[in-house]
PDB file of N, CA and C in Angstrom:
ATOM      1  N   UNK A   1       0.653  -1.409  -0.128  1.00  0.00           N
ATOM      2  CA  UNK A   1      -0.107  -0.043  -0.134  1.00  0.00           C
ATOM      3  C   UNK A   1       0.773   0.878   0.133  1.00  0.00           C
ATOM      4  N   UNK A   2       0.572   1.863  -0.746  1.00  0.00           N
ATOM      5  CA  UNK A   2       1.275   3.386  -0.855  1.00  0.00           C
ATOM      6  C   UNK A   2       0.593   4.478  -0.355  1.00  0.00           C
ATOM      7  N   UNK A   3       0.950   5.192   0.250  1.00  0.00           N
ATOM      8  CA  UNK A   3       0.614   6.539   1.346  1.00  0.00           C
ATOM      9  C   UNK A   3       0.994   7.737   0.888  1.00  0.00           C
ATOM     10  N   UNK A   4      -0.075   8.967   0.535  1.00  0.00           N
ATOM     11  CA  UNK A   4       0.704  10.387   0.447  1.00  0.00           C
ATOM     12  C   UNK A   4      -0.173  10.974   1.341  1.00  0.00           C
ATOM     13  N   UNK A   5       0.710  11.421   2.161  1.00  0.00           N
ATOM     14  CA  UNK A   5      -0.203  11.978   3.270  1.00  0.00           C
ATOM     15  C   UNK A   5       0.053  13.656   3.675  1.00  0.00           C
ATOM     16  N   UNK A   6      -0.721  14.900   3.403  1.00  0.00           N
ATOM     17  CA  UNK A   6      -0.126  15.938   3.416  1.00  0.00           C
ATOM     18  C   UNK A   6      -0.083  16.448   4.898  1.00  0.00           C
ATOM     19  N   UNK A   7       0.802  16.831   5.393  1.00  0.00           N
ATOM     20  CA  UNK A   7       0.933  17.396   6.794  1.00  0.00           C
ATOM     21  C   UNK A   7       0.506  18.608   6.936  1.00  0.00           C
ATOM     22  N   UNK A   8       0.482  18.849   8.366  1.00  0.00           N
ATOM     23  CA  UNK A   8      -0.447  19.925   9.039  1.00  0.00           C
ATOM     24  C   UNK A   8       0.584  20.413   9.866  1.00  0.00           C
ATOM     25  N   UNK A   9       0.754  21.783  10.049  1.00  0.00           N
ATOM     26  CA  UNK A   9       1.610  21.796  11.359  1.00  0.00           C
ATOM     27  C   UNK A   9       2.677  21.638  11.314  1.00  0.00           C
ATOM     28  N   UNK A  10       3.489  21.524  10.539  1.00  0.00           N
ATOM     29  CA  UNK A  10       4.977  21.153  10.585  1.00  0.00           C
ATOM     30  C   UNK A  10       5.740  21.559   9.287  1.00  0.00           C
ATOM     31  N   UNK A  11       7.197  21.897   9.436  1.00  0.00           N
ATOM     32  CA  UNK A  11       8.057  22.436   8.388  1.00  0.00           C
ATOM     33  C   UNK A  11       7.754  21.444   6.875  1.00  0.00           C
ATOM     34  N   UNK A  12       7.893  20.117   7.235  1.00  0.00           N
ATOM     35  CA  UNK A  12       7.397  19.490   6.214  1.00  0.00           C
ATOM     36  C   UNK A  12       5.940  19.232   5.507  1.00  0.00           C
ATOM     37  N   UNK A  13       5.998  19.009   3.965  1.00  0.00           N
ATOM     38  CA  UNK A  13       5.079  19.001   3.633  1.00  0.00           C
ATOM     39  C   UNK A  13       3.946  18.146   2.944  1.00  0.00           C
ATOM     40  N   UNK A  14       4.625  16.888   2.758  1.00  0.00           N
ATOM     41  CA  UNK A  14       4.235  15.726   2.917  1.00  0.00           C
ATOM     42  C   UNK A  14       5.166  14.434   3.386  1.00  0.00           C
ATOM     43  N   UNK A  15       4.078  13.281   3.537  1.00  0.00           N
ATOM     44  CA  UNK A  15       5.076  12.107   3.791  1.00  0.00           C
ATOM     45  C   UNK A  15       4.600  10.838   2.921  1.00  0.00           C
ATOM     46  N   UNK A  16       5.587  10.050   2.224  1.00  0.00           N
ATOM     47  CA  UNK A  16       5.142   9.376   1.098  1.00  0.00           C
ATOM     48  C   UNK A  16       5.818   7.720   2.151  1.00  0.00           C
ATOM     49  N   UNK A  17       4.820   7.213   2.003  1.00  0.00           N
ATOM     50  CA  UNK A  17       5.235   5.340   2.807  1.00  0.00           C
ATOM     51  C   UNK A  17       4.579   4.354   2.196  1.00  0.00           C
ATOM     52  N   UNK A  18       5.251   3.625   1.837  1.00  0.00           N
ATOM     53  CA  UNK A  18       4.896   2.008   1.136  1.00  0.00           C
ATOM     54  C   UNK A  18       4.924   1.056   2.421  1.00  0.00           C
ATOM     55  N   UNK A  19       3.867   0.621   2.628  1.00  0.00           N
ATOM     56  CA  UNK A  19       3.629  -0.597   3.770  1.00  0.00           C
ATOM     57  C   UNK A  19       3.114  -1.496   3.333  1.00  0.00           C
ATOM     58  N   UNK A  20       3.827  -2.332   3.717  1.00  0.00           N
ATOM     59  CA  UNK A  20       4.010  -4.272   3.296  1.00  0.00           C
ATOM     60  C   UNK A  20       2.576  -4.685   3.693  1.00  0.00           C
ATOM     61  N   UNK A  21       1.806  -5.725   3.111  1.00  0.00           N
ATOM     62  CA  UNK A  21       0.610  -6.278   3.486  1.00  0.00           C
ATOM     63  C   UNK A  21       0.368  -6.590   4.760  1.00  0.00           C
ATOM     64  N   UNK A  22       1.566  -7.148   5.280  1.00  0.00           N
ATOM     65  CA  UNK A  22       1.489  -7.178   7.205  1.00  0.00           C
ATOM     66  C   UNK A  22       2.103  -6.180   7.511  1.00  0.00           C
ATOM     67  N   UNK A  23       1.965  -4.704   7.151  1.00  0.00           N
ATOM     68  CA  UNK A  23       1.826  -3.916   7.914  1.00  0.00           C
ATOM     69  C   UNK A  23       3.466  -2.946   8.288  1.00  0.00           C
ATOM     70  N   UNK A  24       4.066  -3.436   7.736  1.00  0.00           N
ATOM     71  CA  UNK A  24       5.788  -3.223   7.754  1.00  0.00           C
ATOM     72  C   UNK A  24       6.168  -2.220   7.007  1.00  0.00           C
ATOM     73  N   UNK A  25       6.512  -1.064   7.243  1.00  0.00           N
ATOM     74  CA  UNK A  25       6.856   0.125   6.951  1.00  0.00           C
ATOM     75  C   UNK A  25       8.326  -0.627   5.531  1.00  0.00           C
ATOM     76  N   UNK A  26       8.142  -0.176   4.181  1.00  0.00           N
ATOM     77  CA  UNK A  26       8.798  -0.540   3.744  1.00  0.00           C
ATOM     78  C   UNK A  26       9.967   0.595   3.207  1.00  0.00           C
ATOM     79  N   UNK A  27       9.524   1.603   3.205  1.00  0.00           N
ATOM     80  CA  UNK A  27       9.904   2.751   2.588  1.00  0.00           C
ATOM     81  C   UNK A  27       9.022   4.159   2.971  1.00  0.00           C
ATOM     82  N   UNK A  28       9.682   5.211   3.580  1.00  0.00           N
ATOM     83  CA  UNK A  28       9.083   6.174   4.405  1.00  0.00           C
ATOM     84  C   UNK A  28      10.253   7.438   3.789  1.00  0.00           C
ATOM     85  N   UNK A  29       9.620   8.604   3.327  1.00  0.00           N
ATOM     86  CA  UNK A  29      10.111   9.870   3.147  1.00  0.00           C
ATOM     87  C   UNK A  29       9.441  11.029   3.549  1.00  0.00           C
ATOM     88  N   UNK A  30       9.909  11.865   3.685  1.00  0.00           N
ATOM     89  CA  UNK A  30       9.325  13.292   4.088  1.00  0.00           C
ATOM     90  C   UNK A  30       9.501  14.542   2.775  1.00  0.00           C
ATOM     91  N   UNK A  31       8.616  15.363   2.409  1.00  0.00           N
ATOM     92  CA  UNK A  31       9.188  16.423   1.568  1.00  0.00           C
ATOM     93  C   UNK A  31       9.026  17.617   2.572  1.00  0.00           C
ATOM     94  N   UNK A  32      10.595  18.626   2.309  1.00  0.00           N
ATOM     95  CA  UNK A  32      10.457  19.277   3.219  1.00  0.00           C
ATOM     96  C   UNK A  32      10.763  19.117   4.923  1.00  0.00           C
ATOM     97  N   UNK A  33      10.700  19.929   5.727  1.00  0.00           N
ATOM     98  CA  UNK A  33      11.232  19.838   6.989  1.00  0.00           C
ATOM     99  C   UNK A  33      12.600  19.421   7.172  1.00  0.00           C
ATOM    100  N   UNK A  34      12.914  19.633   8.100  1.00  0.00           N
ATOM    101  CA  UNK A  34      14.703  19.491   8.589  1.00  0.00           C
ATOM    102  C   UNK A  34      14.895  18.433   8.014  1.00  0.00           C
ATOM    103  N   UNK A  35      15.780  18.410   7.128  1.00  0.00           N
ATOM    104  CA  UNK A  35      16.587  17.239   6.543  1.00  0.00           C
ATOM    105  C   UNK A  35      17.252  16.255   7.273  1.00  0.00           C
ATOM    106  N   UNK A  36      17.725  16.295   8.362  1.00  0.00           N
ATOM    107  CA  UNK A  36      18.669  15.288   8.809  1.00  0.00           C
ATOM    108  C   UNK A  36      17.775  15.196   9.748  1.00  0.00           C
ATOM    109  N   UNK A  37      16.773  15.562  10.621  1.00  0.00           N
ATOM    110  CA  UNK A  37      15.442  14.883  11.054  1.00  0.00           C
ATOM    111  C   UNK A  37      14.342  14.158  10.377  1.00  0.00           C
ATOM    112  N   UNK A  38      13.985  14.146   9.432  1.00  0.00           N
ATOM    113  CA  UNK A  38      13.538  13.985   8.752  1.00  0.00           C
ATOM    114  C   UNK A  38      13.747  12.700   8.136  1.00  0.00           C
ATOM    115  N   UNK A  39      15.457  12.551   7.481  1.00  0.00           N
ATOM    116  CA  UNK A  39      16.114  11.453   6.903  1.00  0.00           C
ATOM    117  C   UNK A  39      16.053  10.630   8.264  1.00  0.00           C
ATOM    118  N   UNK A  40      16.499  11.118   9.286  1.00  0.00           N
ATOM    119  CA  UNK A  40      16.902  10.126  10.548  1.00  0.00           C
ATOM    120  C   UNK A  40      15.372   8.998  10.693  1.00  0.00           C
ATOM    121  N   UNK A  41      14.380  10.338  10.913  1.00  0.00           N
ATOM    122  CA  UNK A  41      13.168   9.649  11.237  1.00  0.00           C
ATOM    123  C   UNK A  41      12.717   8.359  10.067  1.00  0.00           C
ATOM    124  N   UNK A  42      12.857   8.525   8.868  1.00  0.00           N
ATOM    125  CA  UNK A  42      12.248   7.534   8.136  1.00  0.00           C
ATOM    126  C   UNK A  42      13.302   6.428   7.988  1.00  0.00           C
ATOM    127  N   UNK A  43      14.895   6.696   7.967  1.00  0.00           N
ATOM    128  CA  UNK A  43      15.398   5.349   8.242  1.00  0.00           C
ATOM    129  C   UNK A  43      15.204   4.656   9.327  1.00  0.00           C
ATOM    130  N   UNK A  44      14.770   5.226  10.482  1.00  0.00           N
ATOM    131  CA  UNK A  44      15.024   4.470  11.732  1.00  0.00           C
ATOM    132  C   UNK A  44      13.032   3.576  11.725  1.00  0.00           C
ATOM    133  N   UNK A  45      12.099   3.994  10.960  1.00  0.00           N
ATOM    134  CA  UNK A  45      11.234   3.519  11.393  1.00  0.00           C
ATOM    135  C   UNK A  45      11.240   2.387  10.247  1.00  0.00           C
ATOM    136  N   UNK A  46      12.131   2.189   8.931  1.00  0.00           N
ATOM    137  CA  UNK A  46      11.740   1.410   7.950  1.00  0.00           C
ATOM    138  C   UNK A  46      12.335  -0.138   8.681  1.00  0.00           C
ATOM    139  N   UNK A  47      11.325  -0.889   8.175  1.00  0.00           N
ATOM    140  CA  UNK A  47      11.367  -2.278   8.947  1.00  0.00           C
ATOM    141  C   UNK A  47      10.559  -2.725   9.859  1.00  0.00           C
ATOM    142  N   UNK A  48       9.875  -1.386  10.385  1.00  0.00           N
ATOM    143  CA  UNK A  48       8.902  -1.231  11.901  1.00  0.00           C
ATOM    144  C   UNK A  48       7.464  -1.637  11.170  1.00  0.00           C
ATOM    145  N   UNK A  49       7.088  -2.325  12.332  1.00  0.00           N
ATOM    146  CA  UNK A  49       5.247  -2.213  12.098  1.00  0.00           C
ATOM    147  C   UNK A  49       5.008  -1.132  12.344  1.00  0.00           C
ATOM    148  N   UNK A  50       3.869  -0.947  11.302  1.00  0.00           N
ATOM    149  CA  UNK A  50       3.377   0.938  11.626  1.00  0.00           C
ATOM    150  C   UNK A  50       2.542   0.896  12.992  1.00  0.00           C
ATOM    151  N   UNK A  51       2.243  -0.172  13.474  1.00  0.00           N
ATOM    152  CA  UNK A  51       1.446  -0.027  14.922  1.00  0.00           C
ATOM    153  C   UNK A  51       2.823   0.621  15.910  1.00  0.00           C
ATOM    154  N   UNK A  52       3.780  -0.464  15.910  1.00  0.00           N
ATOM    155  CA  UNK A  52       4.645   0.204  16.796  1.00  0.00           C
ATOM    156  C   UNK A  52       5.290   1.457  16.603  1.00  0.00           C
ATOM    157  N   UNK A  53       5.500   2.101  15.256  1.00  0.00           N
ATOM    158  CA  UNK A  53       5.713   3.574  15.015  1.00  0.00           C
ATOM    159  C   UNK A  53       4.543   4.393  15.628  1.00  0.00           C
ATOM    160  N   UNK A  54       3.136   4.102  15.133  1.00  0.00           N
ATOM    161  CA  UNK A  54       2.058   5.048  15.617  1.00  0.00           C
ATOM    162  C   UNK A  54       2.656   5.032  17.612  1.00  0.00           C
ATOM    163  N   UNK A  55       2.487   3.874  18.291  1.00  0.00           N
ATOM    164  CA  UNK A  55       2.495   3.866  19.782  1.00  0.00           C
ATOM    165  C   UNK A  55       3.680   4.532  20.083  1.00  0.00           C
ATOM    166  N   UNK A  56       5.111   4.794  19.160  1.00  0.00           N
ATOM    167  CA  UNK A  56       6.348   5.366  19.592  1.00  0.00           C
ATOM    168  C   UNK A  56       6.202   6.925  19.161  1.00  0.00           C
ATOM    169  N   UNK A  57       5.570   7.206  18.384  1.00  0.00           N
ATOM    170  CA  UNK A  57       5.600   8.697  17.711  1.00  0.00           C
ATOM    171  C   UNK A  57       4.438   9.718  17.779  1.00  0.00           C
ATOM    172  N   UNK A  58       3.215   9.027  17.861  1.00  0.00           N
ATOM    173  CA  UNK A  58       2.334   9.887  18.224  1.00  0.00           C
ATOM    174  C   UNK A  58       2.108  10.623  19.748  1.00  0.00           C
ATOM    175  N   UNK A  59       1.909  11.990  19.655  1.00  0.00           N
ATOM    176  CA  UNK A  59       2.158  13.102  20.584  1.00  0.00           C
ATOM    177  C   UNK A  59       3.049  13.544  20.460  1.00  0.00           C
ATOM    178  N   UNK A  60       4.088  13.304  19.851  1.00  0.00           N
ATOM    179  CA  UNK A  60       5.470  14.187  19.833  1.00  0.00           C
ATOM    180  C   UNK A  60       5.584  15.275  19.302  1.00  0.00           C
ATOM    181  N   UNK A  61       5.646  16.484  20.286  1.00  0.00           N
ATOM    182  CA  UNK A  61       5.498  17.994  20.006  1.00  0.00           C
ATOM    183  C   UNK A  61       6.901  18.576  19.497  1.00  0.00           C
ATOM    184  N   UNK A  62       7.098  19.455  18.371  1.00  0.00           N
ATOM    185  CA  UNK A  62       7.615  20.148  18.145  1.00  0.00           C
ATOM    186  C   UNK A  62       7.197  21.838  18.094  1.00  0.00           C
ATOM    187  N   UNK A  63       6.179  22.102  17.266  1.00  0.00           N
ATOM    188  CA  UNK A  63       5.646  23.128  17.296  1.00  0.00           C
ATOM    189  C   UNK A  63       4.172  22.837  16.753  1.00  0.00           C
ATOM    190  N   UNK A  64       2.971  24.026  17.243  1.00  0.00           N
ATOM    191  CA  UNK A  64       1.709  24.141  16.900  1.00  0.00           C
ATOM    192  C   UNK A  64       1.002  22.530  17.294  1.00  0.00           C
ATOM    193  N   UNK A  65       1.691  21.828  18.315  1.00  0.00           N
ATOM    194  CA  UNK A  65       0.692  20.962  18.921  1.00  0.00           C
ATOM    195  C   UNK A  65       0.883  19.395  18.139  1.00  0.00           C
ATOM    196  N   UNK A  66       2.459  19.845  17.053  1.00  0.00           N
ATOM    197  CA  UNK A  66       2.289  18.465  16.272  1.00  0.00           C
ATOM    198  C   UNK A  66       3.572  18.246  16.064  1.00  0.00           C
ATOM    199  N   UNK A  67       4.554  17.205  15.356  1.00  0.00           N
ATOM    200  CA  UNK A  67       5.511  17.600  15.082  1.00  0.00           C
ATOM    201  C   UNK A  67       6.036  16.398  13.447  1.00  0.00           C
ATOM    202  N   UNK A  68       7.133  16.285  13.113  1.00  0.00           N
ATOM    203  CA  UNK A  68       6.682  15.470  11.747  1.00  0.00           C
ATOM    204  C   UNK A  68       6.687  13.913  12.102  1.00  0.00           C
ATOM    205  N   UNK A  69       7.030  13.591  13.727  1.00  0.00           N
ATOM    206  CA  UNK A  69       7.199  11.772  13.590  1.00  0.00           C
ATOM    207  C   UNK A  69       5.585  11.827  14.142  1.00  0.00           C
ATOM    208  N   UNK A  70       4.928  12.703  14.569  1.00  0.00           N
ATOM    209  CA  UNK A  70       3.579  13.104  15.162  1.00  0.00           C
ATOM    210  C   UNK A  70       2.609  12.548  13.671  1.00  0.00           C
ATOM    211  N   UNK A  71       3.281  13.448  12.871  1.00  0.00           N
ATOM    212  CA  UNK A  71       2.200  13.637  11.677  1.00  0.00           C
ATOM    213  C   UNK A  71       2.515  12.196  10.916  1.00  0.00           C
ATOM    214  N   UNK A  72       3.351  11.719  11.135  1.00  0.00           N
ATOM    215  CA  UNK A  72       3.995   9.908  10.625  1.00  0.00           C
ATOM    216  C   UNK A  72       2.809   9.089  11.022  1.00  0.00           C
ATOM    217  N   UNK A  73       3.038   9.069  12.441  1.00  0.00           N
ATOM    218  CA  UNK A  73       1.783   8.538  13.054  1.00  0.00           C
ATOM    219  C   UNK A  73       0.356   8.644  12.871  1.00  0.00           C
ATOM    220  N   UNK A  74      -0.063   9.654  12.371  1.00  0.00           N
ATOM    221  CA  UNK A  74      -1.406  10.357  11.849  1.00  0.00           C
ATOM    222  C   UNK A  74      -1.355   9.972  10.744  1.00  0.00           C
ATOM    223  N   UNK A  75      -0.574   9.882   9.737  1.00  0.00           N
ATOM    224  CA  UNK A  75      -0.482   9.317   8.339  1.00  0.00           C
ATOM    225  C   UNK A  75      -0.977   7.518   8.498  1.00  0.00           C
ATOM    226  N   UNK A  76      -0.003   7.117   9.089  1.00  0.00           N
ATOM    227  CA  UNK A  76      -0.139   5.506   9.585  1.00  0.00           C
ATOM    228  C   UNK A  76      -1.482   5.090   9.994  1.00  0.00           C
ATOM    229  N   UNK A  77      -2.222   5.774  10.978  1.00  0.00           N
ATOM    230  CA  UNK A  77      -3.761   5.849  11.524  1.00  0.00           C
ATOM    231  C   UNK A  77      -4.514   6.334  10.569  1.00  0.00           C
ATOM    232  N   UNK A  78      -4.372   7.040   9.519  1.00  0.00           N
ATOM    233  CA  UNK A  78      -5.339   7.379   8.710  1.00  0.00           C
ATOM    234  C   UNK A  78      -5.343   5.999   7.600  1.00  0.00           C
ATOM    235  N   UNK A  79      -4.075   5.345   7.295  1.00  0.00           N
ATOM    236  CA  UNK A  79      -3.961   4.398   6.460  1.00  0.00           C
ATOM    237  C   UNK A  79      -4.543   3.246   6.813  1.00  0.00           C
ATOM    238  N   UNK A  80      -4.435   3.204   8.129  1.00  0.00           N
ATOM    239  CA  UNK A  80      -5.231   1.993   9.100  1.00  0.00           C
ATOM    240  C   UNK A  80      -6.594   1.667   9.086  1.00  0.00           C
ATOM    241  N   UNK A  81      -7.413   2.893   9.179  1.00  0.00           N
ATOM    242  CA  UNK A  81      -9.054   3.231   9.546  1.00  0.00           C
ATOM    243  C   UNK A  81      -9.437   3.236   7.670  1.00  0.00           C
ATOM    244  N   UNK A  82      -8.635   3.323   6.782  1.00  0.00           N
ATOM    245  CA  UNK A  82      -8.944   3.120   5.301  1.00  0.00           C
ATOM    246  C   UNK A  82      -9.596   2.339   5.152  1.00  0.00           C
TER     247      UNK A  82
END
């Protein structure tokens, strides 16, 4: 499953994620944002189950009541509900 999620309240503009059939993140990339941080987050979540990423990243705050990791968790929750 391929997901493109338009972020809200962060420096990044969107997140692109590929999930395997069993919910493992195969690829993740952020458009915009702080390059070192977004590349680091994307590298760390590759190979992880989406549910684990949601549990670890939801609620992390940077500004505007959210963050790039929180937006990633929101993108994954949205995909799970679809």
